[in-house]
Amino acid sequence: MTIDISLTAHAATATDAGISGGYAPPTLPVPVGTRIQFVNSDSFAHTASLVAVATRFPASSPLGASTLTPSGTTLSAAWSSGNLTAGASSPVFVADSPGTYLYGCFYHYGAPMRGAIVVR
């Protein structure tokens, strides 16, 4: 399963977790075991990084500079795509446990560049 990253192509939209934008789809429902990869189709850098356990997007960015380095392999643990330059793809993440996983971009969280993966 691929999530497209583009701040310029994916407008802000309302979701159950709050306003999302920059990722398509804004909310991705998947079964346990799904493999997910982020692909940056923009002309500038982004990240896709887990927002610590939350049911709604925090008003201000909770993402620190550590999200610029790729980390994690499963959605249930701390993870980040790391810095994805134009055209780059993230490592693959496995949807290993049911739940809602909110994520955002280190650079553009307030744009609002945020999304959700719902694992069932």
Foldseek 3Di string as FASTA:
>chain_A
DEKEFAQVPWDWDQDQQGIATRIPPQEAEDEAFDKYKYWYQYQAKWKWWWDPDDSHDDQDDPDDPVLLDADDAEQVDGGMQHIAHHGGMGDIHGDHDADKTKIAIPVDVNVVHIGIYGYD
